[in-house]
N, C-alpha and C. Protein backbone atom coordinates (compact mmCIF):
# COMPACT_ATOMS: atom_id res chain seq x y z
N UNK A 1 0.83 -1.18 0.00
CA UNK A 1 0.00 0.00 0.00
C UNK A 1 0.88 1.25 0.00
N UNK A 2 0.54 2.21 -0.85
CA UNK A 2 1.29 3.46 -0.92
C UNK A 2 0.87 4.40 0.19
N UNK A 3 1.84 5.03 0.78
CA UNK A 3 1.56 6.04 1.79
C UNK A 3 1.65 7.40 1.14
N UNK A 4 0.71 8.25 1.43
CA UNK A 4 0.73 9.60 0.89
C UNK A 4 1.57 10.50 1.77
N UNK A 5 2.30 11.37 1.13
CA UNK A 5 3.09 12.35 1.84
C UNK A 5 2.40 13.70 1.64
N UNK A 6 1.64 14.18 2.64
CA UNK A 6 0.89 15.41 2.47
C UNK A 6 1.74 16.62 2.11
N UNK A 7 3.00 16.61 2.49
CA UNK A 7 3.85 17.75 2.18
C UNK A 7 4.19 17.82 0.69
N UNK A 8 4.07 16.72 -0.04
CA UNK A 8 4.37 16.70 -1.47
C UNK A 8 3.14 16.87 -2.34
N UNK A 9 1.95 16.82 -1.75
CA UNK A 9 0.73 16.98 -2.53
C UNK A 9 0.49 18.45 -2.81
N UNK A 10 -0.04 18.72 -3.99
CA UNK A 10 -0.31 20.10 -4.39
C UNK A 10 -1.81 20.31 -4.36
N UNK A 11 -2.23 21.32 -3.66
CA UNK A 11 -3.66 21.64 -3.61
C UNK A 11 -3.97 22.74 -4.61
N UNK A 12 -5.26 22.98 -4.84
CA UNK A 12 -5.68 24.06 -5.74
C UNK A 12 -5.16 25.40 -5.23
N UNK A 13 -5.10 25.57 -3.93
CA UNK A 13 -4.62 26.84 -3.36
C UNK A 13 -3.14 27.06 -3.65
N UNK A 14 -2.38 25.98 -3.75
CA UNK A 14 -0.94 26.10 -4.02
C UNK A 14 -0.65 26.61 -5.42
N UNK A 15 -1.53 26.35 -6.36
CA UNK A 15 -1.30 26.76 -7.75
C UNK A 15 -2.14 27.97 -8.13
N UNK A 16 -2.84 28.57 -7.18
CA UNK A 16 -3.57 29.80 -7.43
C UNK A 16 -4.96 29.62 -7.99
N UNK A 17 -5.51 28.44 -7.90
CA UNK A 17 -6.84 28.20 -8.44
C UNK A 17 -7.90 28.22 -7.35
N UNK A 18 -7.91 29.27 -6.58
CA UNK A 18 -8.92 29.44 -5.54
C UNK A 18 -9.99 30.37 -6.10
N UNK A 19 -11.24 29.95 -6.01
CA UNK A 19 -12.34 30.75 -6.53
C UNK A 19 -12.97 31.57 -5.41
N UNK A 20 -13.25 32.83 -5.72
CA UNK A 20 -13.89 33.74 -4.76
C UNK A 20 -15.28 34.10 -5.26
N UNK A 21 -16.23 34.21 -4.33
CA UNK A 21 -17.56 34.69 -4.73
C UNK A 21 -17.57 36.22 -4.73
N UNK A 22 -18.70 36.80 -5.12
CA UNK A 22 -18.74 38.25 -5.26
C UNK A 22 -18.46 38.97 -3.95
N UNK A 23 -19.02 38.49 -2.86
CA UNK A 23 -18.83 39.16 -1.57
C UNK A 23 -17.35 39.18 -1.20
N UNK A 24 -16.66 38.08 -1.43
CA UNK A 24 -15.23 38.02 -1.12
C UNK A 24 -14.44 38.99 -2.00
N UNK A 25 -14.77 39.04 -3.28
CA UNK A 25 -14.09 39.96 -4.20
C UNK A 25 -14.36 41.40 -3.80
N UNK A 26 -15.61 41.70 -3.52
CA UNK A 26 -16.01 43.05 -3.14
C UNK A 26 -15.26 43.53 -1.90
N UNK A 27 -15.14 42.66 -0.90
CA UNK A 27 -14.41 43.02 0.32
C UNK A 27 -12.91 43.18 0.04
N UNK A 28 -12.38 42.32 -0.82
CA UNK A 28 -10.95 42.35 -1.10
C UNK A 28 -10.52 43.63 -1.81
N UNK A 29 -11.37 44.13 -2.72
CA UNK A 29 -11.02 45.33 -3.49
C UNK A 29 -11.75 46.58 -2.99
N UNK A 30 -12.59 46.42 -1.98
CA UNK A 30 -13.34 47.54 -1.38
C UNK A 30 -14.16 48.31 -2.42
N UNK A 31 -14.88 47.57 -3.24
CA UNK A 31 -15.74 48.16 -4.26
C UNK A 31 -17.09 47.46 -4.24
N UNK A 32 -18.09 48.19 -4.67
CA UNK A 32 -19.43 47.65 -4.76
C UNK A 32 -19.72 47.01 -6.10
N UNK A 33 -20.91 46.44 -6.19
CA UNK A 33 -21.32 45.70 -7.39
C UNK A 33 -21.27 46.54 -8.66
N UNK A 34 -21.86 47.73 -8.64
CA UNK A 34 -21.91 48.53 -9.87
C UNK A 34 -20.52 48.94 -10.33
N UNK A 35 -19.64 49.26 -9.40
CA UNK A 35 -18.26 49.65 -9.76
C UNK A 35 -17.50 48.47 -10.36
N UNK A 36 -17.60 47.30 -9.73
CA UNK A 36 -16.90 46.11 -10.22
C UNK A 36 -17.40 45.74 -11.61
N UNK A 37 -18.71 45.67 -11.79
CA UNK A 37 -19.23 45.27 -13.10
C UNK A 37 -18.99 46.36 -14.15
N UNK A 38 -18.94 47.61 -13.75
CA UNK A 38 -18.57 48.68 -14.68
C UNK A 38 -17.14 48.52 -15.16
N UNK A 39 -16.22 48.19 -14.25
CA UNK A 39 -14.82 47.97 -14.62
C UNK A 39 -14.65 46.73 -15.49
N UNK A 40 -15.47 45.70 -15.23
CA UNK A 40 -15.44 44.51 -16.08
C UNK A 40 -15.86 44.89 -17.50
N UNK A 41 -16.91 45.69 -17.60
CA UNK A 41 -17.40 46.12 -18.91
C UNK A 41 -16.35 46.93 -19.65
N UNK A 42 -15.58 47.76 -18.92
CA UNK A 42 -14.48 48.54 -19.51
C UNK A 42 -13.28 47.68 -19.89
N UNK A 43 -13.23 46.48 -19.33
CA UNK A 43 -12.10 45.60 -19.59
C UNK A 43 -10.93 45.80 -18.65
N UNK A 44 -11.15 46.54 -17.57
CA UNK A 44 -10.04 46.80 -16.65
C UNK A 44 -10.11 46.02 -15.34
N UNK A 45 -11.07 45.10 -15.23
CA UNK A 45 -11.20 44.25 -14.04
C UNK A 45 -11.40 42.83 -14.54
N UNK A 46 -10.83 41.84 -13.84
CA UNK A 46 -10.98 40.45 -14.30
C UNK A 46 -12.45 40.03 -14.43
N UNK A 47 -12.76 39.38 -15.52
CA UNK A 47 -14.11 38.87 -15.74
C UNK A 47 -14.33 37.63 -14.88
N UNK A 48 -15.56 37.42 -14.45
CA UNK A 48 -15.82 36.24 -13.63
C UNK A 48 -15.89 34.97 -14.46
N UNK A 49 -15.77 33.86 -13.77
CA UNK A 49 -16.00 32.54 -14.34
C UNK A 49 -17.44 32.18 -13.98
N UNK A 50 -18.24 31.87 -14.96
CA UNK A 50 -19.63 31.51 -14.70
C UNK A 50 -19.73 30.02 -14.38
N UNK A 51 -20.37 29.72 -13.28
CA UNK A 51 -20.64 28.35 -12.88
C UNK A 51 -22.14 28.27 -12.63
N UNK A 52 -22.85 27.81 -13.63
CA UNK A 52 -24.31 27.85 -13.55
C UNK A 52 -24.76 29.29 -13.50
N UNK A 53 -25.55 29.64 -12.51
CA UNK A 53 -26.01 31.02 -12.33
C UNK A 53 -25.05 31.85 -11.48
N UNK A 54 -24.00 31.22 -10.98
CA UNK A 54 -23.07 31.89 -10.08
C UNK A 54 -21.87 32.45 -10.84
N UNK A 55 -21.29 33.49 -10.27
CA UNK A 55 -20.05 34.07 -10.79
C UNK A 55 -18.96 33.87 -9.75
N UNK A 56 -17.80 33.45 -10.21
CA UNK A 56 -16.63 33.28 -9.33
C UNK A 56 -15.43 33.89 -10.02
N UNK A 57 -14.49 34.38 -9.21
CA UNK A 57 -13.26 34.98 -9.72
C UNK A 57 -12.08 34.18 -9.20
N UNK A 58 -11.04 34.10 -10.02
CA UNK A 58 -9.81 33.47 -9.57
C UNK A 58 -9.11 34.43 -8.60
N UNK A 59 -8.76 33.93 -7.45
CA UNK A 59 -8.07 34.74 -6.45
C UNK A 59 -6.78 35.32 -7.02
N UNK A 60 -6.07 34.54 -7.82
CA UNK A 60 -4.81 35.01 -8.39
C UNK A 60 -5.04 36.20 -9.33
N UNK A 61 -6.15 36.23 -10.07
CA UNK A 61 -6.44 37.35 -10.95
C UNK A 61 -6.80 38.61 -10.17
N UNK A 62 -7.51 38.44 -9.06
CA UNK A 62 -7.85 39.59 -8.21
C UNK A 62 -6.58 40.13 -7.56
N UNK A 63 -5.71 39.23 -7.11
CA UNK A 63 -4.43 39.67 -6.54
C UNK A 63 -3.60 40.43 -7.56
N UNK A 64 -3.58 39.94 -8.81
CA UNK A 64 -2.84 40.62 -9.87
C UNK A 64 -3.44 41.99 -10.16
N UNK A 65 -4.76 42.12 -10.10
CA UNK A 65 -5.42 43.41 -10.30
C UNK A 65 -4.97 44.40 -9.21
N UNK A 66 -4.94 43.93 -7.97
CA UNK A 66 -4.52 44.78 -6.86
C UNK A 66 -3.06 45.19 -7.03
N UNK A 67 -2.20 44.26 -7.43
CA UNK A 67 -0.79 44.56 -7.68
C UNK A 67 -0.64 45.61 -8.78
N UNK A 68 -1.48 45.51 -9.81
CA UNK A 68 -1.46 46.50 -10.90
C UNK A 68 -1.82 47.88 -10.37
N UNK A 69 -2.82 47.95 -9.50
CA UNK A 69 -3.19 49.24 -8.89
C UNK A 69 -2.03 49.79 -8.07
N UNK A 70 -1.38 48.93 -7.32
CA UNK A 70 -0.25 49.37 -6.50
C UNK A 70 0.90 49.88 -7.35
N UNK A 71 1.18 49.20 -8.45
CA UNK A 71 2.28 49.64 -9.30
C UNK A 71 1.96 50.97 -9.97
N UNK A 72 0.70 51.18 -10.32
CA UNK A 72 0.28 52.46 -10.89
C UNK A 72 0.44 53.57 -9.86
N UNK A 73 0.06 53.28 -8.63
CA UNK A 73 0.20 54.26 -7.56
C UNK A 73 1.67 54.59 -7.33
N UNK A 74 2.51 53.58 -7.30
CA UNK A 74 3.94 53.77 -7.08
C UNK A 74 4.54 54.62 -8.19
N UNK A 75 4.14 54.37 -9.44
CA UNK A 75 4.64 55.15 -10.57
C UNK A 75 4.19 56.60 -10.46
N UNK A 76 2.94 56.84 -10.11
CA UNK A 76 2.42 58.20 -9.97
C UNK A 76 3.13 58.94 -8.85
N UNK A 77 3.37 58.24 -7.72
CA UNK A 77 4.05 58.87 -6.60
C UNK A 77 5.48 59.24 -6.99
N UNK A 78 6.15 58.40 -7.74
CA UNK A 78 7.52 58.67 -8.17
C UNK A 78 7.55 59.90 -9.07
N UNK A 79 6.58 59.99 -9.97
CA UNK A 79 6.50 61.13 -10.89
C UNK A 79 6.19 62.42 -10.14
N UNK A 80 5.31 62.35 -9.14
CA UNK A 80 4.96 63.53 -8.35
C UNK A 80 6.14 64.01 -7.51
N UNK A 81 6.94 63.10 -7.00
CA UNK A 81 8.09 63.47 -6.17
C UNK A 81 9.24 64.05 -6.98
N UNK A 82 9.26 63.79 -8.28
CA UNK A 82 10.35 64.31 -9.10
C UNK A 82 10.11 65.75 -9.56
N UNK A 83 8.95 66.29 -9.26
CA UNK A 83 8.63 67.67 -9.67
C UNK A 83 9.21 68.68 -8.72
């Protein structure tokens, strides 16, 4: 019989495939429904994955969106400080 080594097993969370529902996404980015769906329509926010009638977002895509906002802020701050 093979013994499993839990430390060598890879979970969905380890590879970034964690799905978030709308409430989790909304809390994570501090935005409401109309703002999030408006940004999706503009193409500047990750689109959800549809599962039946439900919408889910990849946690890794939301994290990348937040990182993009941070890098934009950092660039703007650098430009403002050089004046």
